[in-house]
C-alpha atoms as a PDB file:
ATOM      1  CA  UNK A   1     119.676 172.188 154.674  1.00  0.00           C
ATOM      2  CA  UNK A   2     119.064 173.935 157.951  1.00  0.00           C
ATOM      3  CA  UNK A   3     115.332 174.470 158.357  1.00  0.00           C
ATOM      4  CA  UNK A   4     114.895 177.529 160.577  1.00  0.00           C
ATOM      5  CA  UNK A   5     111.638 179.434 160.735  1.00  0.00           C
ATOM      6  CA  UNK A   6     109.193 180.504 163.408  1.00  0.00           C
ATOM      7  CA  UNK A   7     106.532 178.311 161.754  1.00  0.00           C
ATOM      8  CA  UNK A   8     108.720 175.216 161.661  1.00  0.00           C
ATOM      9  CA  UNK A   9     107.237 173.698 164.814  1.00  0.00           C
ATOM     10  CA  UNK A  10     103.642 174.185 163.682  1.00  0.00           C
ATOM     11  CA  UNK A  11     103.944 173.192 160.005  1.00  0.00           C
ATOM     12  CA  UNK A  12     103.934 169.518 159.161  1.00  0.00           C
ATOM     13  CA  UNK A  13     104.192 167.788 155.791  1.00  0.00           C
ATOM     14  CA  UNK A  14     102.237 164.541 155.819  1.00  0.00           C
ATOM     15  CA  UNK A  15     100.472 162.036 153.604  1.00  0.00           C
ATOM     16  CA  UNK A  16      97.104 163.210 152.326  1.00  0.00           C
ATOM     17  CA  UNK A  17      94.011 161.165 153.202  1.00  0.00           C
ATOM     18  CA  UNK A  18      90.448 160.886 151.952  1.00  0.00           C
ATOM     19  CA  UNK A  19      89.379 162.455 155.271  1.00  0.00           C
ATOM     20  CA  UNK A  20      91.104 165.651 154.120  1.00  0.00           C
ATOM     21  CA  UNK A  21      88.367 166.110 151.538  1.00  0.00           C
ATOM     22  CA  UNK A  22      86.410 168.416 153.873  1.00  0.00           C
ATOM     23  CA  UNK A  23      89.289 170.911 153.710  1.00  0.00           C
ATOM     24  CA  UNK A  24      89.596 170.579 149.928  1.00  0.00           C
ATOM     25  CA  UNK A  25      85.861 171.208 149.614  1.00  0.00           C
ATOM     26  CA  UNK A  26      86.265 174.441 151.609  1.00  0.00           C
ATOM     27  CA  UNK A  27      89.135 175.571 149.376  1.00  0.00           C
ATOM     28  CA  UNK A  28      86.975 174.924 146.308  1.00  0.00           C
ATOM     29  CA  UNK A  29      84.514 177.502 147.660  1.00  0.00           C
ATOM     30  CA  UNK A  30      87.213 180.169 148.169  1.00  0.00           C
ATOM     31  CA  UNK A  31      86.930 182.403 145.109  1.00  0.00           C
ATOM     32  CA  UNK A  32      90.432 183.909 145.498  1.00  0.00           C
ATOM     33  CA  UNK A  33      92.073 180.485 145.922  1.00  0.00           C
ATOM     34  CA  UNK A  34      90.305 179.106 142.847  1.00  0.00           C
ATOM     35  CA  UNK A  35      91.225 182.076 140.660  1.00  0.00           C
ATOM     36  CA  UNK A  36      94.846 181.912 141.836  1.00  0.00           C
ATOM     37  CA  UNK A  37      95.282 178.174 141.325  1.00  0.00           C
ATOM     38  CA  UNK A  38      93.305 177.472 138.174  1.00  0.00           C
ATOM     39  CA  UNK A  39      90.534 175.661 140.035  1.00  0.00           C
ATOM     40  CA  UNK A  40      87.065 175.710 138.524  1.00  0.00           C
ATOM     41  CA  UNK A  41      84.598 177.681 140.623  1.00  0.00           C
ATOM     42  CA  UNK A  42      81.480 175.930 141.938  1.00  0.00           C
ATOM     43  CA  UNK A  43      82.875 172.548 140.999  1.00  0.00           C
ATOM     44  CA  UNK A  44      80.548 169.600 141.366  1.00  0.00           C
ATOM     45  CA  UNK A  45      81.230 168.109 144.814  1.00  0.00           C
ATOM     46  CA  UNK A  46      81.097 164.514 143.567  1.00  0.00           C
ATOM     47  CA  UNK A  47      83.598 165.309 140.797  1.00  0.00           C
ATOM     48  CA  UNK A  48      85.847 167.091 143.316  1.00  0.00           C
ATOM     49  CA  UNK A  49      85.686 164.103 145.671  1.00  0.00           C
ATOM     50  CA  UNK A  50      86.654 161.735 142.816  1.00  0.00           C
ATOM     51  CA  UNK A  51      89.588 164.009 141.957  1.00  0.00           C
ATOM     52  CA  UNK A  52      90.735 164.079 145.603  1.00  0.00           C
ATOM     53  CA  UNK A  53      90.367 160.294 145.868  1.00  0.00           C
ATOM     54  CA  UNK A  54      92.609 160.014 142.803  1.00  0.00           C
ATOM     55  CA  UNK A  55      95.167 162.333 144.449  1.00  0.00           C
ATOM     56  CA  UNK A  56      95.125 160.265 147.647  1.00  0.00           C
ATOM     57  CA  UNK A  57      95.471 156.917 145.856  1.00  0.00           C
ATOM     58  CA  UNK A  58      97.855 158.065 143.125  1.00  0.00           C
ATOM     59  CA  UNK A  59     100.840 155.776 142.769  1.00  0.00           C
ATOM     60  CA  UNK A  60     103.321 157.381 140.427  1.00  0.00           C
ATOM     61  CA  UNK A  61     107.074 157.341 140.101  1.00  0.00           C
ATOM     62  CA  UNK A  62     107.184 160.945 138.888  1.00  0.00           C
ATOM     63  CA  UNK A  63     104.674 162.676 141.192  1.00  0.00           C
ATOM     64  CA  UNK A  64     104.309 163.013 144.978  1.00  0.00           C
ATOM     65  CA  UNK A  65     101.689 165.077 146.818  1.00  0.00           C
ATOM     66  CA  UNK A  66     101.809 165.754 150.552  1.00  0.00           C
ATOM     67  CA  UNK A  67      99.420 167.669 152.756  1.00  0.00           C
ATOM     68  CA  UNK A  68     100.551 170.856 154.474  1.00  0.00           C
ATOM     69  CA  UNK A  69      99.261 170.874 158.026  1.00  0.00           C
ATOM     70  CA  UNK A  70      99.295 173.902 160.329  1.00  0.00           C
ATOM     71  CA  UNK A  71      98.181 173.645 163.943  1.00  0.00           C
ATOM     72  CA  UNK A  72      96.799 170.156 163.236  1.00  0.00           C
ATOM     73  CA  UNK A  73      94.634 171.330 160.318  1.00  0.00           C
ATOM     74  CA  UNK A  74      95.224 170.701 156.604  1.00  0.00           C
ATOM     75  CA  UNK A  75      95.799 174.094 154.981  1.00  0.00           C
ATOM     76  CA  UNK A  76      97.301 173.143 151.615  1.00  0.00           C
ATOM     77  CA  UNK A  77      99.389 170.721 149.647  1.00  0.00           C
ATOM     78  CA  UNK A  78     102.945 170.410 148.381  1.00  0.00           C
ATOM     79  CA  UNK A  79     104.042 168.538 145.273  1.00  0.00           C
ATOM     80  CA  UNK A  80     107.101 167.156 143.611  1.00  0.00           C
ATOM     81  CA  UNK A  81     106.200 166.610 139.957  1.00  0.00           C
ATOM     82  CA  UNK A  82     107.998 165.488 136.823  1.00  0.00           C
ATOM     83  CA  UNK A  83     110.503 163.601 138.970  1.00  0.00           C
ATOM     84  CA  UNK A  84     113.276 162.275 136.778  1.00  0.00           C
ATOM     85  CA  UNK A  85     116.757 161.310 137.900  1.00  0.00           C
ATOM     86  CA  UNK A  86     117.874 164.145 140.212  1.00  0.00           C
ATOM     87  CA  UNK A  87     115.325 166.736 139.021  1.00  0.00           C
ATOM     88  CA  UNK A  88     111.736 167.598 140.012  1.00  0.00           C
ATOM     89  CA  UNK A  89     109.284 170.476 139.921  1.00  0.00           C
ATOM     90  CA  UNK A  90     108.232 171.961 143.259  1.00  0.00           C
ATOM     91  CA  UNK A  91     104.671 173.111 143.778  1.00  0.00           C
ATOM     92  CA  UNK A  92     103.045 174.617 146.868  1.00  0.00           C
ATOM     93  CA  UNK A  93      99.410 175.631 147.318  1.00  0.00           C
ATOM     94  CA  UNK A  94      98.033 177.045 150.540  1.00  0.00           C
ATOM     95  CA  UNK A  95      94.291 176.435 150.313  1.00  0.00           C
ATOM     96  CA  UNK A  96      93.214 178.903 152.946  1.00  0.00           C
ATOM     97  CA  UNK A  97      93.759 182.307 151.374  1.00  0.00           C
ATOM     98  CA  UNK A  98      93.377 183.944 154.807  1.00  0.00           C
ATOM     99  CA  UNK A  99      96.739 182.363 155.694  1.00  0.00           C
ATOM    100  CA  UNK A 100      98.621 183.719 152.663  1.00  0.00           C
ATOM    101  CA  UNK A 101     101.574 185.985 153.319  1.00  0.00           C
ATOM    102  CA  UNK A 102     102.433 184.471 156.705  1.00  0.00           C
ATOM    103  CA  UNK A 103     105.424 182.365 155.597  1.00  0.00           C
ATOM    104  CA  UNK A 104     103.566 179.049 155.720  1.00  0.00           C
ATOM    105  CA  UNK A 105     104.147 178.262 152.030  1.00  0.00           C
ATOM    106  CA  UNK A 106     107.815 179.134 152.466  1.00  0.00           C
ATOM    107  CA  UNK A 107     108.111 176.795 155.450  1.00  0.00           C
ATOM    108  CA  UNK A 108     106.290 174.004 153.591  1.00  0.00           C
ATOM    109  CA  UNK A 109     108.664 174.516 150.672  1.00  0.00           C
ATOM    110  CA  UNK A 110     111.670 174.193 152.995  1.00  0.00           C
ATOM    111  CA  UNK A 111     110.330 170.852 154.229  1.00  0.00           C
ATOM    112  CA  UNK A 112     109.723 169.676 150.644  1.00  0.00           C
ATOM    113  CA  UNK A 113     113.220 170.709 149.574  1.00  0.00           C
ATOM    114  CA  UNK A 114     114.665 168.784 152.514  1.00  0.00           C
ATOM    115  CA  UNK A 115     112.545 165.737 151.595  1.00  0.00           C
ATOM    116  CA  UNK A 116     113.495 165.985 147.914  1.00  0.00           C
ATOM    117  CA  UNK A 117     117.198 166.075 148.722  1.00  0.00           C
ATOM    118  CA  UNK A 118     117.390 163.503 151.534  1.00  0.00           C
ATOM    119  CA  UNK A 119     114.711 161.004 150.481  1.00  0.00           C
ATOM    120  CA  UNK A 120     114.755 161.268 146.689  1.00  0.00           C
ATOM    121  CA  UNK A 121     118.273 162.466 145.884  1.00  0.00           C
ATOM    122  CA  UNK A 122     116.903 165.435 143.985  1.00  0.00           C
ATOM    123  CA  UNK A 123     119.453 168.207 143.562  1.00  0.00           C
ATOM    124  CA  UNK A 124     117.749 170.362 140.912  1.00  0.00           C
ATOM    125  CA  UNK A 125     114.299 171.826 141.493  1.00  0.00           C
ATOM    126  CA  UNK A 126     112.213 173.676 138.959  1.00  0.00           C
ATOM    127  CA  UNK A 127     109.201 175.856 139.692  1.00  0.00           C
ATOM    128  CA  UNK A 128     106.793 177.998 137.726  1.00  0.00           C
ATOM    129  CA  UNK A 129     104.528 180.861 138.673  1.00  0.00           C
ATOM    130  CA  UNK A 130     102.634 183.762 137.169  1.00  0.00           C
ATOM    131  CA  UNK A 131     104.238 187.161 136.678  1.00  0.00           C
ATOM    132  CA  UNK A 132     101.564 188.770 138.872  1.00  0.00           C
ATOM    133  CA  UNK A 133     101.917 186.208 141.693  1.00  0.00           C
ATOM    134  CA  UNK A 134     104.238 188.449 143.685  1.00  0.00           C
ATOM    135  CA  UNK A 135     104.107 186.312 146.856  1.00  0.00           C
ATOM    136  CA  UNK A 136     105.169 183.204 144.970  1.00  0.00           C
ATOM    137  CA  UNK A 137     108.003 185.039 143.209  1.00  0.00           C
ATOM    138  CA  UNK A 138     109.211 186.447 146.534  1.00  0.00           C
ATOM    139  CA  UNK A 139     109.073 182.973 148.131  1.00  0.00           C
ATOM    140  CA  UNK A 140     110.987 181.333 145.281  1.00  0.00           C
ATOM    141  CA  UNK A 141     113.684 184.008 145.374  1.00  0.00           C
ATOM    142  CA  UNK A 142     113.995 183.638 149.162  1.00  0.00           C
ATOM    143  CA  UNK A 143     114.399 179.857 148.690  1.00  0.00           C
ATOM    144  CA  UNK A 144     117.301 180.427 146.278  1.00  0.00           C
ATOM    145  CA  UNK A 145     115.467 179.867 142.992  1.00  0.00           C
ATOM    146  CA  UNK A 146     116.624 181.916 139.999  1.00  0.00           C
ATOM    147  CA  UNK A 147     114.503 182.937 137.046  1.00  0.00           C
ATOM    148  CA  UNK A 148     115.526 181.009 133.931  1.00  0.00           C
ATOM    149  CA  UNK A 149     112.829 181.843 131.383  1.00  0.00           C
ATOM    150  CA  UNK A 150     109.466 183.374 130.615  1.00  0.00           C
ATOM    151  CA  UNK A 151     107.569 180.964 128.424  1.00  0.00           C
ATOM    152  CA  UNK A 152     103.826 180.722 128.063  1.00  0.00           C
ATOM    153  CA  UNK A 153     100.728 182.435 129.348  1.00  0.00           C
ATOM    154  CA  UNK A 154      97.925 181.277 131.618  1.00  0.00           C
ATOM    155  CA  UNK A 155      94.941 182.806 133.396  1.00  0.00           C
ATOM    156  CA  UNK A 156      95.735 184.093 136.856  1.00  0.00           C
ATOM    157  CA  UNK A 157      93.191 186.141 138.799  1.00  0.00           C
ATOM    158  CA  UNK A 158      91.006 186.508 135.686  1.00  0.00           C
ATOM    159  CA  UNK A 159      93.769 187.901 133.471  1.00  0.00           C
ATOM    160  CA  UNK A 160      96.082 186.266 130.960  1.00  0.00           C
ATOM    161  CA  UNK A 161      99.472 186.284 132.672  1.00  0.00           C
ATOM    162  CA  UNK A 162     103.060 185.538 131.680  1.00  0.00           C
ATOM    163  CA  UNK A 163     104.469 182.334 133.192  1.00  0.00           C
ATOM    164  CA  UNK A 164     107.935 182.535 134.757  1.00  0.00           C
ATOM    165  CA  UNK A 165     110.135 179.459 135.136  1.00  0.00           C
ATOM    166  CA  UNK A 166     112.654 179.138 137.974  1.00  0.00           C
ATOM    167  CA  UNK A 167     115.449 176.721 138.867  1.00  0.00           C
ATOM    168  CA  UNK A 168     117.307 175.949 142.087  1.00  0.00           C
ATOM    169  CA  UNK A 169     120.367 173.789 142.642  1.00  0.00           C
ATOM    170  CA  UNK A 170     120.223 172.325 146.146  1.00  0.00           C
END
């Protein structure tokens, strides 16, 4: 895959660390981010730190989480989940809502797709988003994902919202 984007030089996918907690704590105080990503508002900081510690130290054959760094600052995370054989689910979350809509999630997704293919041999990626998450739908379409179903509902921005499943053959 040819990764071409104006953000490509400033976006980096890297291992997450416990030191990244300060960024995660800031995201947990961003009302829009929390409502968009199913995060509990005003979460207990000690509980949040334990959760982040678990993310950092997670050793799993079917789940990988990387940090998304922009201009040497952690701005989000990218996941490969439900990894089995040549299939995985792609997830991207940009924690700083002020950076949404600038192509950073798209660029992070390109890096994750490249990693999935070259390092893990994954050739089929699944993704899921909410019907009202127009940015995510646009990003998935631009990446070559195709809608395959509409199953389930979940809260998104305080409203019950249809979930849309996507698939991409890479």
